[in-house]
Amino acid sequence: MKISLLILQPHHLDFFKNLYEELEAKGHNVWCLVRDDEINRLYLSGSDIKHTFFGNKPGDHLPKFVHHTRNKLCLISKLLALRPDLALSVNSLPPSPFNSIFNTTSVVFLDYKLRKKEERSLFNYADKIVTPDCYPFDVPSNKHVFHPSYHSLAYLHPNRFNADIQILEQLSIEPKDYIFVSFAREDWIEGKDQNLLQRREKIDIVRALDEHCEVFVDERGSVPEPLKEYIPSVSLDEYNHLLANAKLAVGDDPIVSSEAGVLGVPWIFISESTAPTLEEQEVHYEIGTRVADVEEAEKLAGMILTEEIKPNFQKARRDILKDKMDLTEWMIKFVKAYQQTLSDDVKKSK
């Protein structure tokens, strides 16, 4: 079976990489279509993953809608050439509304409340919409499939990931002796009403945290120039190992906060809105807290770092892993079920 994985940002590569390897090993022809982006190129440099870049790198100061349209047309041309049986994507359906011309089944893994326009397009043109079982928003029932997991457990479940302590040795740092800070990039945010931190706020929070212990800032996000000195000397694919051994994770990137939670790292998510995964981790597992502004984050971080507050992160992680499954394993079964349906349809047509 021919399968295309649509990649818009590095976290999508993380999400699909184990599925890619498993499906290739089972004899499927899997190809990644990756939005052209400096970080995506760095992620894939030296990789054995079969991929093609689509779209153009922003930078010529054209309006956003022009970049968006050009990228969509470029992706459509790639899909027309590949003609996959199945196309999988995360939190969006990039080729809509033209995906019907490919005779390809489109499956979207959704874990955010989208903006109305994107949501309407997704509901109209996706064949299946797959969400975590904690997703509280309405999805067309004839298209909705849910799983007992989080997106981050496709690549951070113990079946798929073991933290490497040697990375800390390279940085001359001990486990739990540092804070991991991540800032989302505007062009990666898919959720509704996500209010990102401003430049001054980012600088303020990092400087405040730096008074408590060492701080590492995630290079993959939007990092102001004065904070570049906090970027660790590790490769992009080593950041999850660094996150797994942190004392605390802080920032406005909801994906990294969710990753921290499943790794058993307490998180502080700075935003006026939240995501279903984070809400469940905060309320049910008590592994993280959403705060509205930098001042609240600084205060709460200080209380955690001085152990005035002691999150039971080990119990939280145990409970998460007891309740949630390896999402890659679930996706493999999903693809197998779809392949069987395809085979049955072929037999009926004869």
C-alpha atoms as a PDB file:
ATOM      1  CA  MET A   1       0.000   0.000   0.000  1.00  0.00           C
ATOM      2  CA  LYS A   2       1.237   3.513  -0.818  1.00  0.00           C
ATOM      3  CA  ILE A   3       1.124   5.864   2.169  1.00  0.00           C
ATOM      4  CA  SER A   4       2.032   9.547   2.389  1.00  0.00           C
ATOM      5  CA  LEU A   5       2.847  11.254   5.697  1.00  0.00           C
ATOM      6  CA  LEU A   6       2.312  15.025   5.582  1.00  0.00           C
ATOM      7  CA  ILE A   7       4.835  16.892   7.741  1.00  0.00           C
ATOM      8  CA  LEU A   8       4.520  20.591   8.544  1.00  0.00           C
ATOM      9  CA  GLN A   9       6.839  20.879  11.572  1.00  0.00           C
ATOM     10  CA  PRO A  10       9.468  18.834  13.477  1.00  0.00           C
ATOM     11  CA  HIS A  11       7.007  17.473  16.033  1.00  0.00           C
ATOM     12  CA  HIS A  12       5.117  15.832  13.155  1.00  0.00           C
ATOM     13  CA  LEU A  13       8.333  14.044  12.213  1.00  0.00           C
ATOM     14  CA  ASP A  14       8.600  12.793  15.782  1.00  0.00           C
ATOM     15  CA  PHE A  15       4.956  11.741  15.688  1.00  0.00           C
ATOM     16  CA  PHE A  16       5.285   9.656  12.528  1.00  0.00           C
ATOM     17  CA  LYS A  17       8.890   8.390  12.605  1.00  0.00           C
ATOM     18  CA  ASN A  18       8.197   5.092  14.390  1.00  0.00           C
ATOM     19  CA  LEU A  19       5.104   4.473  12.274  1.00  0.00           C
ATOM     20  CA  TYR A  20       7.209   5.095   9.154  1.00  0.00           C
ATOM     21  CA  GLU A  21       9.776   2.505  10.207  1.00  0.00           C
ATOM     22  CA  GLU A  22       7.149  -0.077  11.174  1.00  0.00           C
ATOM     23  CA  LEU A  23       5.160   0.318   7.955  1.00  0.00           C
ATOM     24  CA  GLU A  24       8.268   0.203   5.772  1.00  0.00           C
ATOM     25  CA  ALA A  25       9.328  -3.004   7.550  1.00  0.00           C
ATOM     26  CA  LYS A  26       5.901  -4.486   6.724  1.00  0.00           C
ATOM     27  CA  GLY A  27       6.428  -3.804   3.013  1.00  0.00           C
ATOM     28  CA  HIS A  28       4.381  -0.637   2.571  1.00  0.00           C
ATOM     29  CA  ASN A  29       5.681   2.132   0.334  1.00  0.00           C
ATOM     30  CA  VAL A  30       5.807   5.136   2.679  1.00  0.00           C
ATOM     31  CA  TRP A  31       6.858   8.629   1.608  1.00  0.00           C
ATOM     32  CA  CYS A  32       7.031  11.808   3.683  1.00  0.00           C
ATOM     33  CA  LEU A  33       5.986  15.128   2.158  1.00  0.00           C
ATOM     34  CA  VAL A  34       7.680  17.790   4.280  1.00  0.00           C
ATOM     35  CA  ARG A  35       7.088  21.546   4.281  1.00  0.00           C
ATOM     36  CA  ASP A  36      10.287  23.320   3.341  1.00  0.00           C
ATOM     37  CA  ASP A  37      11.636  24.837   6.531  1.00  0.00           C
ATOM     38  CA  GLU A  38      15.129  25.300   7.935  1.00  0.00           C
ATOM     39  CA  ILE A  39      14.426  23.252  11.067  1.00  0.00           C
ATOM     40  CA  ASN A  40      12.717  20.482   9.072  1.00  0.00           C
ATOM     41  CA  ARG A  41      15.765  20.286   6.805  1.00  0.00           C
ATOM     42  CA  LEU A  42      18.096  20.048   9.800  1.00  0.00           C
ATOM     43  CA  TYR A  43      15.943  17.288  11.288  1.00  0.00           C
ATOM     44  CA  LEU A  44      16.092  15.255   8.106  1.00  0.00           C
ATOM     45  CA  SER A  45      19.741  15.856   7.208  1.00  0.00           C
ATOM     46  CA  GLY A  46      21.455  12.490   7.136  1.00  0.00           C
ATOM     47  CA  SER A  47      18.137  10.683   7.684  1.00  0.00           C
ATOM     48  CA  ASP A  48      17.174   7.504   5.821  1.00  0.00           C
ATOM     49  CA  ILE A  49      13.518   8.573   5.751  1.00  0.00           C
ATOM     50  CA  LYS A  50      12.229   8.870   2.182  1.00  0.00           C
ATOM     51  CA  HIS A  51      11.009  12.418   1.786  1.00  0.00           C
ATOM     52  CA  THR A  52      10.332  15.302  -0.554  1.00  0.00           C
ATOM     53  CA  PHE A  53      10.113  18.946   0.461  1.00  0.00           C
ATOM     54  CA  PHE A  54       7.182  21.004  -0.748  1.00  0.00           C
ATOM     55  CA  GLY A  55       6.478  24.719  -0.723  1.00  0.00           C
ATOM     56  CA  ASN A  56       8.917  27.530  -0.320  1.00  0.00           C
ATOM     57  CA  LYS A  57      10.916  28.997   2.519  1.00  0.00           C
ATOM     58  CA  PRO A  58       9.340  32.234   3.842  1.00  0.00           C
ATOM     59  CA  GLY A  59      11.552  35.253   3.559  1.00  0.00           C
ATOM     60  CA  ASP A  60      10.600  37.095   0.407  1.00  0.00           C
ATOM     61  CA  HIS A  61       8.125  39.293   2.328  1.00  0.00           C
ATOM     62  CA  LEU A  62       5.090  38.143   0.360  1.00  0.00           C
ATOM     63  CA  PRO A  63       1.740  38.084   2.211  1.00  0.00           C
ATOM     64  CA  LYS A  64       1.013  34.971   4.258  1.00  0.00           C
ATOM     65  CA  PHE A  65      -1.879  33.900   2.046  1.00  0.00           C
ATOM     66  CA  VAL A  66       0.458  33.883  -0.974  1.00  0.00           C
ATOM     67  CA  HIS A  67       2.907  31.562   0.822  1.00  0.00           C
ATOM     68  CA  HIS A  68      -0.016  29.418   1.928  1.00  0.00           C
ATOM     69  CA  THR A  69      -1.450  29.134  -1.594  1.00  0.00           C
ATOM     70  CA  ARG A  70       1.916  28.373  -3.181  1.00  0.00           C
ATOM     71  CA  ASN A  71       2.638  25.710  -0.592  1.00  0.00           C
ATOM     72  CA  LYS A  72      -0.771  24.107  -1.108  1.00  0.00           C
ATOM     73  CA  LEU A  73      -0.360  23.988  -4.889  1.00  0.00           C
ATOM     74  CA  CYS A  74       3.103  22.522  -4.547  1.00  0.00           C
ATOM     75  CA  LEU A  75       1.839  19.838  -2.147  1.00  0.00           C
ATOM     76  CA  ILE A  76      -1.021  18.980  -4.492  1.00  0.00           C
ATOM     77  CA  SER A  77       1.410  18.454  -7.369  1.00  0.00           C
ATOM     78  CA  LYS A  78       3.504  16.104  -5.185  1.00  0.00           C
ATOM     79  CA  LEU A  79       0.431  14.110  -4.164  1.00  0.00           C
ATOM     80  CA  LEU A  80      -0.727  13.848  -7.776  1.00  0.00           C
ATOM     81  CA  ALA A  81       2.647  12.358  -8.634  1.00  0.00           C
ATOM     82  CA  LEU A  82       2.642   9.903  -5.724  1.00  0.00           C
ATOM     83  CA  ARG A  83      -1.055   8.925  -5.825  1.00  0.00           C
ATOM     84  CA  PRO A  84      -1.039   7.392  -2.311  1.00  0.00           C
ATOM     85  CA  ASP A  85      -3.803   5.109  -1.073  1.00  0.00           C
ATOM     86  CA  LEU A  86      -3.650   6.757   2.334  1.00  0.00           C
ATOM     87  CA  ALA A  87      -2.505  10.208   3.491  1.00  0.00           C
ATOM     88  CA  LEU A  88      -1.925  10.905   7.190  1.00  0.00           C
ATOM     89  CA  SER A  89      -1.470  14.342   8.773  1.00  0.00           C
ATOM     90  CA  VAL A  90      -1.529  16.060  12.171  1.00  0.00           C
ATOM     91  CA  ASN A  91      -4.023  18.781  13.194  1.00  0.00           C
ATOM     92  CA  SER A  92      -4.673  19.924   9.635  1.00  0.00           C
ATOM     93  CA  LEU A  93      -5.493  18.711   6.139  1.00  0.00           C
ATOM     94  CA  PRO A  94      -3.013  20.691   4.003  1.00  0.00           C
ATOM     95  CA  PRO A  95      -4.370  19.793   0.529  1.00  0.00           C
ATOM     96  CA  SER A  96      -8.056  20.513   1.293  1.00  0.00           C
ATOM     97  CA  PRO A  97     -10.373  21.142  -0.474  1.00  0.00           C
ATOM     98  CA  PHE A  98      -8.571  19.469  -3.382  1.00  0.00           C
ATOM     99  CA  ASN A  99      -7.744  16.153  -1.719  1.00  0.00           C
ATOM    100  CA  SER A 100     -10.771  14.469  -3.336  1.00  0.00           C
ATOM    101  CA  ILE A 101      -9.092  14.586  -6.782  1.00  0.00           C
ATOM    102  CA  PHE A 102      -6.390  12.146  -5.626  1.00  0.00           C
ATOM    103  CA  ASN A 103      -8.759   9.275  -4.763  1.00  0.00           C
ATOM    104  CA  THR A 104      -6.776   9.098  -1.527  1.00  0.00           C
ATOM    105  CA  THR A 105      -8.189   8.437   1.927  1.00  0.00           C
ATOM    106  CA  SER A 106      -7.230  11.333   4.217  1.00  0.00           C
ATOM    107  CA  VAL A 107      -6.810  10.707   7.952  1.00  0.00           C
ATOM    108  CA  VAL A 108      -6.080  13.565  10.362  1.00  0.00           C
ATOM    109  CA  PHE A 109      -4.813  13.080  13.918  1.00  0.00           C
ATOM    110  CA  LEU A 110      -6.352  15.973  15.837  1.00  0.00           C
ATOM    111  CA  ASP A 111      -5.705  17.054  19.430  1.00  0.00           C
ATOM    112  CA  TYR A 112      -6.446  20.816  19.314  1.00  0.00           C
ATOM    113  CA  LYS A 113      -9.550  22.940  19.001  1.00  0.00           C
ATOM    114  CA  LEU A 114      -9.004  24.509  15.597  1.00  0.00           C
ATOM    115  CA  ARG A 115     -10.066  27.914  14.368  1.00  0.00           C
ATOM    116  CA  LYS A 116     -13.527  27.875  12.790  1.00  0.00           C
ATOM    117  CA  LYS A 117     -12.320  28.089   9.190  1.00  0.00           C
ATOM    118  CA  GLU A 118      -9.760  25.295   9.575  1.00  0.00           C
ATOM    119  CA  GLU A 119     -12.221  23.169  11.537  1.00  0.00           C
ATOM    120  CA  ARG A 120     -14.912  23.509   8.876  1.00  0.00           C
ATOM    121  CA  SER A 121     -12.457  22.536   6.137  1.00  0.00           C
ATOM    122  CA  LEU A 122     -11.229  19.551   8.134  1.00  0.00           C
ATOM    123  CA  PHE A 123     -14.731  18.293   8.931  1.00  0.00           C
ATOM    124  CA  ASN A 124     -15.828  18.641   5.312  1.00  0.00           C
ATOM    125  CA  TYR A 125     -12.868  17.077   3.521  1.00  0.00           C
ATOM    126  CA  ALA A 126     -11.111  14.598   5.849  1.00  0.00           C
ATOM    127  CA  ASP A 127     -12.270  10.982   5.576  1.00  0.00           C
ATOM    128  CA  LYS A 128     -11.396  10.144   9.185  1.00  0.00           C
ATOM    129  CA  ILE A 129     -10.565  12.378  12.169  1.00  0.00           C
ATOM    130  CA  VAL A 130      -8.698  10.653  14.984  1.00  0.00           C
ATOM    131  CA  THR A 131      -8.585  12.251  18.443  1.00  0.00           C
ATOM    132  CA  PRO A 132      -7.467  11.341  21.966  1.00  0.00           C
ATOM    133  CA  ASP A 133     -10.335  10.085  24.118  1.00  0.00           C
ATOM    134  CA  CYS A 134     -10.004  13.258  26.235  1.00  0.00           C
ATOM    135  CA  TYR A 135     -10.894  15.468  23.229  1.00  0.00           C
ATOM    136  CA  PRO A 136     -14.101  17.254  24.388  1.00  0.00           C
ATOM    137  CA  PHE A 137     -15.163  19.075  21.221  1.00  0.00           C
ATOM    138  CA  ASP A 138     -17.689  17.982  18.598  1.00  0.00           C
ATOM    139  CA  VAL A 139     -16.448  15.986  15.607  1.00  0.00           C
ATOM    140  CA  PRO A 140     -18.729  14.520  12.894  1.00  0.00           C
ATOM    141  CA  SER A 141     -19.677  11.121  14.305  1.00  0.00           C
ATOM    142  CA  ASN A 142     -19.408   9.325  10.953  1.00  0.00           C
ATOM    143  CA  LYS A 143     -15.754  10.387  10.693  1.00  0.00           C
ATOM    144  CA  HIS A 144     -14.676  10.331  14.326  1.00  0.00           C
ATOM    145  CA  VAL A 145     -12.290   7.696  15.698  1.00  0.00           C
ATOM    146  CA  PHE A 146     -10.643   8.039  19.109  1.00  0.00           C
ATOM    147  CA  HIS A 147      -7.755   6.399  20.938  1.00  0.00           C
ATOM    148  CA  PRO A 148      -6.712   6.162  24.623  1.00  0.00           C
ATOM    149  CA  SER A 149      -3.424   8.014  24.246  1.00  0.00           C
ATOM    150  CA  TYR A 150      -1.638  11.313  23.585  1.00  0.00           C
ATOM    151  CA  HIS A 151       0.203  12.336  20.426  1.00  0.00           C
ATOM    152  CA  SER A 152       3.477  12.492  22.351  1.00  0.00           C
ATOM    153  CA  LEU A 153       3.127   8.799  23.263  1.00  0.00           C
ATOM    154  CA  ALA A 154       3.658   7.897  19.608  1.00  0.00           C
ATOM    155  CA  TYR A 155       7.355   8.580  20.207  1.00  0.00           C
ATOM    156  CA  LEU A 156       7.872   8.976  23.977  1.00  0.00           C
ATOM    157  CA  HIS A 157       6.161   5.823  25.223  1.00  0.00           C
ATOM    158  CA  PRO A 158       8.715   3.541  26.966  1.00  0.00           C
ATOM    159  CA  ASN A 159       8.304   1.115  24.052  1.00  0.00           C
ATOM    160  CA  ARG A 160       9.752   3.813  21.781  1.00  0.00           C
ATOM    161  CA  PHE A 161      12.033   5.979  23.919  1.00  0.00           C
ATOM    162  CA  ASN A 162      14.642   5.677  26.651  1.00  0.00           C
ATOM    163  CA  ALA A 163      16.344   8.844  27.899  1.00  0.00           C
ATOM    164  CA  ASP A 164      20.094   8.910  27.253  1.00  0.00           C
ATOM    165  CA  ILE A 165      22.044  10.228  30.239  1.00  0.00           C
ATOM    166  CA  GLN A 166      25.229  10.634  28.179  1.00  0.00           C
ATOM    167  CA  ILE A 167      23.840  13.826  26.678  1.00  0.00           C
ATOM    168  CA  LEU A 168      23.911  15.393  30.142  1.00  0.00           C
ATOM    169  CA  GLU A 169      27.509  14.275  30.590  1.00  0.00           C
ATOM    170  CA  GLN A 170      28.416  16.137  27.400  1.00  0.00           C
ATOM    171  CA  LEU A 171      26.877  19.273  28.904  1.00  0.00           C
ATOM    172  CA  SER A 172      28.487  18.685  32.337  1.00  0.00           C
ATOM    173  CA  ILE A 173      25.107  18.798  34.035  1.00  0.00           C
ATOM    174  CA  GLU A 174      23.323  16.443  36.435  1.00  0.00           C
ATOM    175  CA  PRO A 175      19.712  15.203  36.039  1.00  0.00           C
ATOM    176  CA  LYS A 176      17.098  17.521  37.594  1.00  0.00           C
ATOM    177  CA  ASP A 177      19.654  20.351  37.855  1.00  0.00           C
ATOM    178  CA  TYR A 178      18.200  22.485  35.068  1.00  0.00           C
ATOM    179  CA  ILE A 179      15.007  23.924  33.598  1.00  0.00           C
ATOM    180  CA  PHE A 180      13.871  23.242  30.035  1.00  0.00           C
ATOM    181  CA  VAL A 181      12.280  26.285  28.361  1.00  0.00           C
ATOM    182  CA  SER A 182      10.405  26.159  25.055  1.00  0.00           C
ATOM    183  CA  PHE A 183       8.779  28.899  22.992  1.00  0.00           C
ATOM    184  CA  ALA A 184       6.334  28.042  20.222  1.00  0.00           C
ATOM    185  CA  ARG A 185       6.737  29.394  16.711  1.00  0.00           C
ATOM    186  CA  GLU A 186       3.756  31.253  15.323  1.00  0.00           C
ATOM    187  CA  ASP A 187       3.800  29.313  12.033  1.00  0.00           C
ATOM    188  CA  TRP A 188       3.600  26.022  13.964  1.00  0.00           C
ATOM    189  CA  ILE A 189       0.623  26.861  16.169  1.00  0.00           C
ATOM    190  CA  GLU A 190      -2.502  25.051  15.000  1.00  0.00           C
ATOM    191  CA  GLY A 191      -4.807  25.581  17.962  1.00  0.00           C
ATOM    192  CA  LYS A 192      -7.481  28.197  18.461  1.00  0.00           C
ATOM    193  CA  ASP A 193      -6.699  31.408  20.358  1.00  0.00           C
ATOM    194  CA  GLN A 194      -3.129  30.492  21.249  1.00  0.00           C
ATOM    195  CA  ASN A 195      -1.551  33.637  22.677  1.00  0.00           C
ATOM    196  CA  LEU A 196       2.210  33.415  22.326  1.00  0.00           C
ATOM    197  CA  LEU A 197       4.668  35.201  24.571  1.00  0.00           C
ATOM    198  CA  GLN A 198       6.192  38.439  23.365  1.00  0.00           C
ATOM    199  CA  ARG A 199       9.949  39.024  23.080  1.00  0.00           C
ATOM    200  CA  ARG A 200      10.220  40.933  26.366  1.00  0.00           C
ATOM    201  CA  GLU A 201       8.207  38.303  28.238  1.00  0.00           C
ATOM    202  CA  LYS A 202      10.467  35.512  26.970  1.00  0.00           C
ATOM    203  CA  ILE A 203      13.566  37.339  28.124  1.00  0.00           C
ATOM    204  CA  ASP A 204      12.017  38.111  31.508  1.00  0.00           C
ATOM    205  CA  ILE A 205      10.992  34.529  32.271  1.00  0.00           C
ATOM    206  CA  VAL A 206      14.364  33.053  31.278  1.00  0.00           C
ATOM    207  CA  ARG A 207      16.301  35.640  33.309  1.00  0.00           C
ATOM    208  CA  ALA A 208      14.076  34.969  36.331  1.00  0.00           C
ATOM    209  CA  LEU A 209      14.475  31.179  36.065  1.00  0.00           C
ATOM    210  CA  ASP A 210      18.224  31.581  35.630  1.00  0.00           C
ATOM    211  CA  GLU A 211      18.418  32.918  39.194  1.00  0.00           C
ATOM    212  CA  HIS A 212      17.357  29.468  40.482  1.00  0.00           C
ATOM    213  CA  CYS A 213      19.407  27.069  38.350  1.00  0.00           C
ATOM    214  CA  GLU A 214      20.736  26.460  34.850  1.00  0.00           C
ATOM    215  CA  VAL A 215      18.322  27.064  31.994  1.00  0.00           C
ATOM    216  CA  PHE A 216      18.316  25.447  28.547  1.00  0.00           C
ATOM    217  CA  VAL A 217      16.209  27.047  25.802  1.00  0.00           C
ATOM    218  CA  ASP A 218      14.850  24.869  23.005  1.00  0.00           C
ATOM    219  CA  GLU A 219      16.410  25.927  19.691  1.00  0.00           C
ATOM    220  CA  ARG A 220      13.471  24.545  17.716  1.00  0.00           C
ATOM    221  CA  GLY A 221      11.186  27.351  18.864  1.00  0.00           C
ATOM    222  CA  SER A 222      11.158  31.109  18.479  1.00  0.00           C
ATOM    223  CA  VAL A 223      14.171  32.299  20.469  1.00  0.00           C
ATOM    224  CA  PRO A 224      15.038  36.024  20.813  1.00  0.00           C
ATOM    225  CA  GLU A 225      18.661  36.900  20.072  1.00  0.00           C
ATOM    226  CA  PRO A 226      19.559  37.743  23.722  1.00  0.00           C
ATOM    227  CA  LEU A 227      18.542  34.213  24.733  1.00  0.00           C
ATOM    228  CA  LYS A 228      20.615  32.364  22.130  1.00  0.00           C
ATOM    229  CA  GLU A 229      23.317  31.861  24.774  1.00  0.00           C
ATOM    230  CA  TYR A 230      20.929  29.516  26.598  1.00  0.00           C
ATOM    231  CA  ILE A 231      20.646  27.126  23.637  1.00  0.00           C
ATOM    232  CA  PRO A 232      22.446  23.870  24.521  1.00  0.00           C
ATOM    233  CA  SER A 233      25.072  22.263  22.292  1.00  0.00           C
ATOM    234  CA  VAL A 234      22.987  19.237  21.331  1.00  0.00           C
ATOM    235  CA  SER A 235      21.556  18.001  18.049  1.00  0.00           C
ATOM    236  CA  LEU A 236      17.862  18.540  17.323  1.00  0.00           C
ATOM    237  CA  ASP A 237      17.018  14.874  17.833  1.00  0.00           C
ATOM    238  CA  GLU A 238      18.553  14.966  21.329  1.00  0.00           C
ATOM    239  CA  TYR A 239      16.166  17.534  22.792  1.00  0.00           C
ATOM    240  CA  ASN A 240      13.724  14.922  24.095  1.00  0.00           C
ATOM    241  CA  HIS A 241      16.568  13.320  26.076  1.00  0.00           C
ATOM    242  CA  LEU A 242      17.316  16.712  27.582  1.00  0.00           C
ATOM    243  CA  LEU A 243      13.648  17.313  28.384  1.00  0.00           C
ATOM    244  CA  ALA A 244      13.299  13.888  30.039  1.00  0.00           C
ATOM    245  CA  ASN A 245      15.924  14.723  32.686  1.00  0.00           C
ATOM    246  CA  ALA A 246      14.813  18.298  33.444  1.00  0.00           C
ATOM    247  CA  LYS A 247      13.633  19.499  36.855  1.00  0.00           C
ATOM    248  CA  LEU A 248      10.880  21.554  35.255  1.00  0.00           C
ATOM    249  CA  ALA A 249       9.582  22.502  31.793  1.00  0.00           C
ATOM    250  CA  VAL A 250       8.323  26.050  31.208  1.00  0.00           C
ATOM    251  CA  GLY A 251       7.039  27.848  28.119  1.00  0.00           C
ATOM    252  CA  ASP A 252       4.198  28.579  25.721  1.00  0.00           C
ATOM    253  CA  ASP A 253       4.630  25.508  23.497  1.00  0.00           C
ATOM    254  CA  PRO A 254       1.731  23.100  24.240  1.00  0.00           C
ATOM    255  CA  ILE A 255       3.421  20.176  22.473  1.00  0.00           C
ATOM    256  CA  VAL A 256       6.537  20.352  24.649  1.00  0.00           C
ATOM    257  CA  SER A 257       4.391  20.658  27.781  1.00  0.00           C
ATOM    258  CA  SER A 258       2.534  17.476  26.826  1.00  0.00           C
ATOM    259  CA  GLU A 259       5.847  15.750  26.105  1.00  0.00           C
ATOM    260  CA  ALA A 260       7.126  16.759  29.535  1.00  0.00           C
ATOM    261  CA  GLY A 261       4.027  15.318  31.179  1.00  0.00           C
ATOM    262  CA  VAL A 262       4.364  11.840  29.663  1.00  0.00           C
ATOM    263  CA  LEU A 263       8.060  11.878  30.595  1.00  0.00           C
ATOM    264  CA  GLY A 264       7.194  12.649  34.218  1.00  0.00           C
ATOM    265  CA  VAL A 265       8.551  16.202  34.159  1.00  0.00           C
ATOM    266  CA  PRO A 266       6.389  18.881  35.843  1.00  0.00           C
ATOM    267  CA  TRP A 267       5.408  21.611  33.402  1.00  0.00           C
ATOM    268  CA  ILE A 268       4.197  25.202  33.516  1.00  0.00           C
ATOM    269  CA  PHE A 269       2.328  26.212  30.368  1.00  0.00           C
ATOM    270  CA  ILE A 270       1.997  29.976  29.907  1.00  0.00           C
ATOM    271  CA  SER A 271      -1.152  30.825  27.956  1.00  0.00           C
ATOM    272  CA  GLU A 272      -4.651  32.217  28.347  1.00  0.00           C
ATOM    273  CA  SER A 273      -6.026  29.045  26.749  1.00  0.00           C
ATOM    274  CA  THR A 274      -5.206  25.362  27.025  1.00  0.00           C
ATOM    275  CA  ALA A 275      -5.399  22.120  25.029  1.00  0.00           C
ATOM    276  CA  PRO A 276      -7.410  18.975  25.888  1.00  0.00           C
ATOM    277  CA  THR A 277      -4.284  16.915  26.520  1.00  0.00           C
ATOM    278  CA  LEU A 278      -2.832  19.522  28.875  1.00  0.00           C
ATOM    279  CA  GLU A 279      -6.132  20.012  30.667  1.00  0.00           C
ATOM    280  CA  GLU A 280      -6.326  16.285  31.400  1.00  0.00           C
ATOM    281  CA  GLN A 281      -2.703  16.153  32.536  1.00  0.00           C
ATOM    282  CA  GLU A 282      -3.303  19.108  34.854  1.00  0.00           C
ATOM    283  CA  VAL A 283      -6.654  18.072  36.324  1.00  0.00           C
ATOM    284  CA  HIS A 284      -6.480  14.285  36.355  1.00  0.00           C
ATOM    285  CA  TYR A 285      -2.758  13.554  36.704  1.00  0.00           C
ATOM    286  CA  GLU A 286      -1.590  16.790  38.406  1.00  0.00           C
ATOM    287  CA  ILE A 287       1.701  16.843  36.488  1.00  0.00           C
ATOM    288  CA  GLY A 288       1.425  20.407  35.170  1.00  0.00           C
ATOM    289  CA  THR A 289      -0.216  23.807  35.550  1.00  0.00           C
ATOM    290  CA  ARG A 290      -1.438  26.374  33.050  1.00  0.00           C
ATOM    291  CA  VAL A 291      -0.865  29.991  34.067  1.00  0.00           C
ATOM    292  CA  ALA A 292      -2.014  33.134  32.305  1.00  0.00           C
ATOM    293  CA  ASP A 293       1.173  35.194  32.361  1.00  0.00           C
ATOM    294  CA  VAL A 294       4.904  35.296  32.996  1.00  0.00           C
ATOM    295  CA  GLU A 295       4.527  36.689  36.523  1.00  0.00           C
ATOM    296  CA  GLU A 296       2.429  33.695  37.606  1.00  0.00           C
ATOM    297  CA  ALA A 297       4.906  31.339  35.932  1.00  0.00           C
ATOM    298  CA  GLU A 298       7.861  32.888  37.773  1.00  0.00           C
ATOM    299  CA  LYS A 299       6.078  32.574  41.132  1.00  0.00           C
ATOM    300  CA  LEU A 300       4.996  28.965  40.587  1.00  0.00           C
ATOM    301  CA  ALA A 301       8.394  27.923  39.242  1.00  0.00           C
ATOM    302  CA  GLY A 302      10.065  29.364  42.324  1.00  0.00           C
ATOM    303  CA  MET A 303       7.762  27.347  44.588  1.00  0.00           C
ATOM    304  CA  ILE A 304       8.515  24.111  42.697  1.00  0.00           C
ATOM    305  CA  LEU A 305      12.272  24.701  42.516  1.00  0.00           C
ATOM    306  CA  THR A 306      12.496  25.448  46.245  1.00  0.00           C
ATOM    307  CA  GLU A 307      10.265  22.421  46.897  1.00  0.00           C
ATOM    308  CA  GLU A 308       7.592  24.512  48.591  1.00  0.00           C
ATOM    309  CA  ILE A 309       5.404  22.576  46.167  1.00  0.00           C
ATOM    310  CA  LYS A 310       6.373  18.960  45.408  1.00  0.00           C
ATOM    311  CA  PRO A 311       4.576  17.467  42.390  1.00  0.00           C
ATOM    312  CA  ASN A 312       4.434  13.675  42.602  1.00  0.00           C
ATOM    313  CA  PHE A 313       5.784  13.339  39.079  1.00  0.00           C
ATOM    314  CA  GLN A 314       6.705   9.654  39.402  1.00  0.00           C
ATOM    315  CA  LYS A 315       3.153   8.664  40.322  1.00  0.00           C
ATOM    316  CA  ALA A 316       1.742  10.935  37.614  1.00  0.00           C
ATOM    317  CA  ARG A 317       3.860   9.251  34.949  1.00  0.00           C
ATOM    318  CA  ARG A 318       2.968   5.770  36.204  1.00  0.00           C
ATOM    319  CA  ASP A 319      -0.729   6.637  36.060  1.00  0.00           C
ATOM    320  CA  ILE A 320      -0.444   8.128  32.567  1.00  0.00           C
ATOM    321  CA  LEU A 321       1.343   5.051  31.228  1.00  0.00           C
ATOM    322  CA  LYS A 322      -1.193   2.783  32.919  1.00  0.00           C
ATOM    323  CA  ASP A 323      -4.125   4.608  31.314  1.00  0.00           C
ATOM    324  CA  LYS A 324      -2.618   5.487  27.933  1.00  0.00           C
ATOM    325  CA  MET A 325      -1.217   3.220  25.246  1.00  0.00           C
ATOM    326  CA  ASP A 326       1.657   3.304  22.770  1.00  0.00           C
ATOM    327  CA  LEU A 327       0.025   5.394  20.029  1.00  0.00           C
ATOM    328  CA  THR A 328       2.298   4.055  17.285  1.00  0.00           C
ATOM    329  CA  GLU A 329       1.038   0.544  18.072  1.00  0.00           C
ATOM    330  CA  TRP A 330      -2.536   1.836  17.786  1.00  0.00           C
ATOM    331  CA  MET A 331      -1.766   3.528  14.440  1.00  0.00           C
ATOM    332  CA  ILE A 332      -0.270   0.329  13.014  1.00  0.00           C
ATOM    333  CA  LYS A 333      -3.493  -1.517  13.833  1.00  0.00           C
ATOM    334  CA  PHE A 334      -5.501   1.332  12.311  1.00  0.00           C
ATOM    335  CA  VAL A 335      -3.564   1.140   9.029  1.00  0.00           C
ATOM    336  CA  LYS A 336      -3.893  -2.640   8.980  1.00  0.00           C
ATOM    337  CA  ALA A 337      -7.665  -2.352   9.411  1.00  0.00           C
ATOM    338  CA  TYR A 338      -7.821   0.179   6.575  1.00  0.00           C
ATOM    339  CA  GLN A 339      -5.751  -2.117   4.329  1.00  0.00           C
ATOM    340  CA  GLN A 340      -8.188  -4.946   5.029  1.00  0.00           C
ATOM    341  CA  THR A 341     -11.107  -2.688   4.099  1.00  0.00           C
ATOM    342  CA  LEU A 342      -9.323  -1.772   0.857  1.00  0.00           C
ATOM    343  CA  SER A 343      -8.741  -5.444   0.091  1.00  0.00           C
ATOM    344  CA  ASP A 344     -12.385  -6.310   0.778  1.00  0.00           C
ATOM    345  CA  ASP A 345     -13.560  -3.510  -1.540  1.00  0.00           C
ATOM    346  CA  VAL A 346     -11.341  -4.848  -4.341  1.00  0.00           C
ATOM    347  CA  LYS A 347     -12.799  -8.357  -3.901  1.00  0.00           C
ATOM    348  CA  LYS A 348     -16.361  -7.014  -4.012  1.00  0.00           C
ATOM    349  CA  SER A 349     -15.644  -5.143  -7.238  1.00  0.00           C
ATOM    350  CA  LYS A 350     -14.562  -8.343  -9.030  1.00  0.00           C
END
